[in-house]
Protein backbone atom coordinates (compact mmCIF):
# COMPACT_ATOMS: atom_id res chain seq x y z
CA UNK A 1 21.74 25.30 3.34
CA UNK A 2 21.58 28.71 5.00
CA UNK A 3 23.50 31.54 3.38
CA UNK A 4 26.40 32.97 5.39
CA UNK A 5 24.35 36.07 6.21
CA UNK A 6 21.38 33.96 7.28
CA UNK A 7 23.60 31.84 9.54
CA UNK A 8 25.05 34.98 11.15
CA UNK A 9 21.51 36.25 11.66
CA UNK A 10 20.54 33.04 13.44
CA UNK A 11 23.69 32.88 15.57
CA UNK A 12 23.46 36.51 16.68
CA UNK A 13 19.78 36.23 17.48
CA UNK A 14 20.41 33.28 19.78
CA UNK A 15 23.53 34.82 21.36
CA UNK A 16 21.80 38.18 21.80
CA UNK A 17 19.06 37.00 24.15
CA UNK A 18 20.44 36.73 27.67
CA UNK A 19 18.49 38.31 30.52
CA UNK A 20 20.77 41.33 30.57
CA UNK A 21 20.56 43.88 27.79
CA UNK A 22 23.20 42.69 25.28
CA UNK A 23 25.70 45.05 23.74
CA UNK A 24 24.90 44.96 20.03
CA UNK A 25 27.84 43.36 18.24
CA UNK A 26 26.15 43.34 14.85
CA UNK A 27 23.22 45.40 13.64
CA UNK A 28 21.24 42.84 11.67
CA UNK A 29 18.35 45.29 11.34
CA UNK A 30 20.48 48.22 10.16
CA UNK A 31 18.33 48.88 7.09
CA UNK A 32 15.25 49.20 9.32
CA UNK A 33 16.92 51.56 11.81
CA UNK A 34 18.72 53.62 9.15
CA UNK A 35 22.01 53.29 11.04
CA UNK A 36 24.57 50.62 11.85
CA UNK A 37 27.08 52.66 13.85
CA UNK A 38 25.46 52.88 17.29
CA UNK A 39 22.16 52.73 19.11
CA UNK A 40 20.01 55.64 18.06
CA UNK A 41 18.99 58.52 20.27
CA UNK A 42 15.59 57.88 21.78
CA UNK A 43 13.81 60.55 19.77
CA UNK A 44 15.19 59.10 16.52
CA UNK A 45 14.68 55.41 17.27
CA UNK A 46 11.99 53.77 15.12
CA UNK A 47 9.18 51.95 16.90
CA UNK A 48 8.49 48.21 17.07
CA UNK A 49 5.23 46.92 18.56
CA UNK A 50 5.66 43.48 20.13
CA UNK A 51 2.16 41.99 20.48
CA UNK A 52 2.33 38.87 22.62
CA UNK A 53 5.50 39.79 24.49
CA UNK A 54 5.69 36.66 26.65
CA UNK A 55 8.75 37.08 28.85
CA UNK A 56 10.30 39.56 26.45
CA UNK A 57 12.89 37.66 24.39
CA UNK A 58 11.84 39.42 21.19
CA UNK A 59 11.63 42.82 22.90
CA UNK A 60 15.19 42.37 24.19
CA UNK A 61 16.36 41.72 20.66
CA UNK A 62 14.56 44.77 19.24
CA UNK A 63 15.98 46.98 22.00
CA UNK A 64 19.49 45.68 21.33
CA UNK A 65 19.07 46.66 17.69
CA UNK A 66 18.24 50.26 18.55
CA UNK A 67 14.43 50.31 18.39
CA UNK A 68 11.90 51.72 20.82
CA UNK A 69 9.47 49.00 21.87
CA UNK A 70 5.84 48.88 22.94
CA UNK A 71 5.35 45.40 24.41
CA UNK A 72 1.73 44.24 24.63
CA UNK A 73 0.93 41.30 26.90
CA UNK A 74 -2.38 39.95 28.23
CA UNK A 75 -0.82 37.92 31.07
CA UNK A 76 -0.07 40.31 33.93
CA UNK A 77 2.40 37.88 35.52
CA UNK A 78 4.59 37.91 32.40
CA UNK A 79 5.01 41.67 32.75
CA UNK A 80 5.75 41.31 36.47
CA UNK A 81 8.46 38.73 35.72
CA UNK A 82 9.96 40.93 32.99
CA UNK A 83 10.09 43.87 35.40
CA UNK A 84 12.35 41.88 37.75
CA UNK A 85 15.14 41.93 35.14
CA UNK A 86 17.64 44.52 36.37
CA UNK A 87 18.03 46.52 33.14
CA UNK A 88 14.30 46.77 32.35
CA UNK A 89 13.20 49.51 34.76
CA UNK A 90 15.77 52.07 33.50
CA UNK A 91 14.57 51.52 29.94
CA UNK A 92 10.95 51.95 31.01
CA UNK A 93 11.82 55.19 32.84
CA UNK A 94 13.81 56.39 29.84
CA UNK A 95 10.85 55.78 27.53
CA UNK A 96 12.57 53.25 25.29
CA UNK A 97 10.38 50.38 26.54
CA UNK A 98 6.64 50.58 27.25
CA UNK A 99 4.55 47.74 28.66
CA UNK A 100 0.84 47.57 27.88
CA UNK A 101 -1.22 45.04 29.84
CA UNK A 102 -4.05 44.30 27.43
CA UNK A 103 -5.64 41.58 25.32
CA UNK A 104 -6.17 42.01 21.58
CA UNK A 105 -9.78 42.67 20.58
CA UNK A 106 -11.71 42.10 17.39
CA UNK A 107 -12.98 44.96 15.25
CA UNK A 108 -15.17 47.30 17.29
CA UNK A 109 -14.47 45.52 20.59
CA UNK A 110 -11.57 47.55 21.92
CA UNK A 111 -11.86 49.49 25.15
CA UNK A 112 -13.83 46.80 26.96
CA UNK A 113 -12.77 43.69 28.86
CA UNK A 114 -12.33 40.04 27.96
CA UNK A 115 -11.35 36.83 29.71
CA UNK A 116 -8.02 35.11 29.15
CA UNK A 117 -6.77 31.88 30.66
CA UNK A 118 -3.25 32.01 32.10
CA UNK A 119 -0.93 29.35 33.50
CA UNK A 120 0.56 30.16 36.90
CA UNK A 121 3.73 28.18 36.17
CA UNK A 122 4.06 29.42 32.56
CA UNK A 123 3.86 33.23 32.73
CA UNK A 124 4.83 33.52 29.07
CA UNK A 125 1.64 31.75 28.01
CA UNK A 126 -2.03 32.72 27.96
CA UNK A 127 -4.95 32.08 25.65
CA UNK A 128 -8.45 33.43 25.08
CA UNK A 129 -9.88 29.97 24.34
CA UNK A 130 -11.98 28.47 27.20
CA UNK A 131 -10.60 24.95 26.61
CA UNK A 132 -7.33 26.13 28.19
CA UNK A 133 -9.11 26.09 31.57
CA UNK A 134 -9.35 22.28 31.28
CA UNK A 135 -5.53 22.16 31.30
CA UNK A 136 -5.01 24.33 34.36
CA UNK A 137 -5.41 27.81 32.93
CA UNK A 138 -6.94 30.32 35.34
CA UNK A 139 -9.48 32.85 34.12
CA UNK A 140 -8.46 36.52 34.32
CA UNK A 141 -10.33 39.64 33.23
CA UNK A 142 -8.20 41.90 31.02
CA UNK A 143 -8.90 45.18 29.25
CA UNK A 144 -8.90 45.00 25.46
CA UNK A 145 -7.32 47.03 22.68
CA UNK A 146 -7.56 46.90 18.89
CA UNK A 147 -4.32 46.66 16.92
CA UNK A 148 -5.26 49.66 14.79
CA UNK A 149 -5.68 51.71 17.97
CA UNK A 150 -2.14 50.84 19.03
CA UNK A 151 -0.93 52.68 15.94
CA UNK A 152 -3.29 55.58 16.60
CA UNK A 153 -1.96 55.96 20.14
CA UNK A 154 1.74 55.18 19.75
CA UNK A 155 2.25 56.27 16.14
CA UNK A 156 3.85 54.65 13.13
CA UNK A 157 5.73 51.41 13.78
CA UNK A 158 8.29 50.09 11.31
CA UNK A 159 7.42 46.56 12.45
CA UNK A 160 4.59 44.85 14.30
CA UNK A 161 5.06 41.31 15.62
CA UNK A 162 1.74 39.53 16.22
CA UNK A 163 1.80 36.32 18.24
CA UNK A 164 -1.40 36.11 20.27
CA UNK A 165 -2.78 32.68 19.45
CA UNK A 166 -6.38 32.81 18.17
CA UNK A 167 -6.45 36.62 18.45
CA UNK A 168 -3.83 37.08 15.73
CA UNK A 169 -6.54 37.14 13.05
CA UNK A 170 -8.44 39.77 15.09
CA UNK A 171 -5.34 41.94 14.95
CA UNK A 172 -5.00 41.59 11.19
CA UNK A 173 -8.67 42.33 10.61
CA UNK A 174 -8.46 45.44 12.80
CA UNK A 175 -5.54 46.73 10.72
CA UNK A 176 -7.32 45.91 7.47
CA UNK A 177 -10.57 47.57 8.57
CA UNK A 178 -8.64 50.75 9.42
CA UNK A 179 -7.85 51.04 5.70
CA UNK A 180 -11.43 50.65 4.44
CA UNK A 181 -12.88 53.24 2.10
CA UNK A 182 -15.35 54.47 4.71
CA UNK A 183 -12.59 55.22 7.21
CA UNK A 184 -11.75 58.93 7.08
CA UNK A 185 -8.50 58.60 9.03
CA UNK A 186 -6.67 55.40 8.03
CA UNK A 187 -3.73 54.57 10.25
CA UNK A 188 -0.22 54.34 8.74
CA UNK A 189 0.46 50.62 8.50
CA UNK A 190 3.81 49.09 9.55
CA UNK A 191 6.24 48.42 6.73
CA UNK A 192 6.77 44.93 8.16
CA UNK A 193 4.37 42.52 9.85
CA UNK A 194 4.83 39.03 11.21
CA UNK A 195 2.20 36.63 12.48
CA UNK A 196 2.35 33.08 13.75
CA UNK A 197 0.25 30.56 11.87
CA UNK A 198 -1.86 29.10 14.69
CA UNK A 199 -4.08 26.94 12.48
CA UNK A 200 -3.96 25.98 8.83
CA UNK A 201 -7.58 27.11 8.48
CA UNK A 202 -6.38 30.72 8.99
CA UNK A 203 -4.08 30.63 5.97
CA UNK A 204 -6.59 32.10 3.51
CA UNK A 205 -7.77 34.79 5.95
CA UNK A 206 -4.16 35.88 6.53
CA UNK A 207 -3.69 36.16 2.76
CA UNK A 208 -6.95 38.04 2.17
CA UNK A 209 -6.21 40.61 4.88
CA UNK A 210 -2.64 41.16 3.71
CA UNK A 211 -3.98 41.80 0.22
CA UNK A 212 -6.55 44.28 1.56
CA UNK A 213 -3.79 46.22 3.29
CA UNK A 214 -1.48 46.38 0.29
CA UNK A 215 1.33 44.10 1.49
CA UNK A 216 3.26 42.91 -1.57
CA UNK A 217 5.93 40.49 -0.36
CA UNK A 218 6.27 37.65 2.15
CA UNK A 219 8.59 35.17 3.82
CA UNK A 220 7.56 32.00 5.68
CA UNK A 221 10.05 31.58 8.54
CA UNK A 222 10.70 28.46 10.59
CA UNK A 223 10.23 28.81 14.34
CA UNK A 224 11.73 25.71 15.94
CA UNK A 225 15.28 27.08 15.59
CA UNK A 226 14.32 30.11 17.72
CA UNK A 227 12.07 28.28 20.20
CA UNK A 228 13.51 24.77 20.62
CA UNK A 229 12.19 22.01 22.84
CA UNK A 230 12.87 23.58 26.28
CA UNK A 231 10.78 26.60 25.28
CA UNK A 232 7.78 24.41 24.49
CA UNK A 233 8.08 22.02 27.45
CA UNK A 234 7.62 24.35 30.39
CA UNK A 235 11.28 25.11 31.05
CA UNK A 236 11.22 28.74 29.92
CA UNK A 237 13.26 30.39 32.67
CA UNK A 238 16.44 32.32 33.38
CA UNK A 239 18.28 29.13 32.43
CA UNK A 240 16.60 29.13 28.99
CA UNK A 241 16.69 32.82 28.06
CA UNK A 242 15.87 32.60 24.35
CA UNK A 243 12.49 31.40 23.06
CA UNK A 244 11.71 34.22 20.65
CA UNK A 245 10.53 34.67 17.06
CA UNK A 246 13.74 35.57 15.24
CA UNK A 247 14.87 38.56 13.17
CA UNK A 248 12.45 40.43 10.94
CA UNK A 249 12.44 42.45 7.74
CA UNK A 250 15.58 42.08 5.63
CA UNK A 251 17.11 39.74 8.23
CA UNK A 252 14.17 37.30 8.37
CA UNK A 253 14.98 33.91 6.80
CA UNK A 254 12.43 32.29 4.48
CA UNK A 255 12.31 28.49 4.72
CA UNK A 256 13.10 28.12 1.00
CA UNK A 257 14.55 31.38 -0.29
CA UNK A 258 16.66 32.57 2.64
CA UNK A 259 16.76 36.36 2.79
CA UNK A 260 14.88 36.86 -0.49
CA UNK A 261 11.30 38.16 -0.39
CA UNK A 262 8.67 36.42 -2.50
CA UNK A 263 5.71 38.11 -4.17
CA UNK A 264 2.52 37.85 -2.13
CA UNK A 265 0.74 36.54 -5.24
CA UNK A 266 2.81 33.34 -4.84
CA UNK A 267 1.48 32.66 -1.35
CA UNK A 268 -1.68 30.67 -2.27
CA UNK A 269 0.40 28.11 -4.18
CA UNK A 270 3.17 27.95 -1.55
CA UNK A 271 1.64 25.18 0.55
CA UNK A 272 4.66 23.14 1.66
CA UNK A 273 5.17 25.17 4.85
CA UNK A 274 1.49 24.79 5.73
CA UNK A 275 1.73 21.03 5.16
CA UNK A 276 4.78 20.86 7.44
CA UNK A 277 2.82 22.74 10.08
CA UNK A 278 -0.19 20.42 9.77
CA UNK A 279 2.00 17.32 10.07
CA UNK A 280 3.83 18.66 13.15
CA UNK A 281 7.26 18.93 11.51
CA UNK A 282 7.68 22.62 12.31
CA UNK A 283 5.70 25.80 12.88
CA UNK A 284 6.04 29.09 11.08
CA UNK A 285 5.76 32.85 11.25
CA UNK A 286 4.50 34.56 8.12
CA UNK A 287 6.34 37.85 7.48
CA UNK A 288 4.97 40.49 5.13
CA UNK A 289 6.34 43.71 3.66
CA UNK A 290 4.61 46.64 2.05
CA UNK A 291 6.11 49.47 0.01
CA UNK A 292 5.02 52.96 1.05
């Protein structure tokens, strides 16, 4: 059973995702913004990098909690749809929201171009895997960026959400490589990361890279409650305004321990969530925290 705080976190996340910018009625992420009284001034607002923005449900939540947001999206049409929302342009002009049309690159492959496959009728979806073309995806050429370079350009982010299908591991490896001994200018890593488990075979590589980067704690968070059936069946529209990833950091809800963080050393033996994923019962985001 969810704790009372966890249930409030879930309810507010769902209620806080309409297509207009919601007035924050509860600052779930207060410990990450260092305030719970009001939205911060722009120059004081901590940064969140939303990699794999889709139609912006997560970005709307982060903005409502007082963060600045850099939203990275490979599908140009998703950004065009997001820009039609009436409150978005003022936030872009103000500097609180920045869109970056780019695909995530592997280590050493940023600053070039790659091909993604996008669905005309599903602007929130795209994929770098060629098999998507067999299901109606149209090939598009997109410039590329490494995740470590996002931090070099935009500065320290308190949180980075990574949900870019098969490119999620490229993002993690870029961040990990930026911390290697031979790197003379390592980037400051986000305190919090989250990444969607796209395949069980990536489990060990996620763990290895998190270890390399010094992340010490984790939560495995269910995703169906934040992206229910309409989100996954092609009915992601103004009538279904949610379809996000859920709260992060202290407000993220582990599938077994609720709000409590678990030591990263426990992750290799914590296989039940991976088994649920493999059997199709649910899918998960893996959240990680490091201590500066």
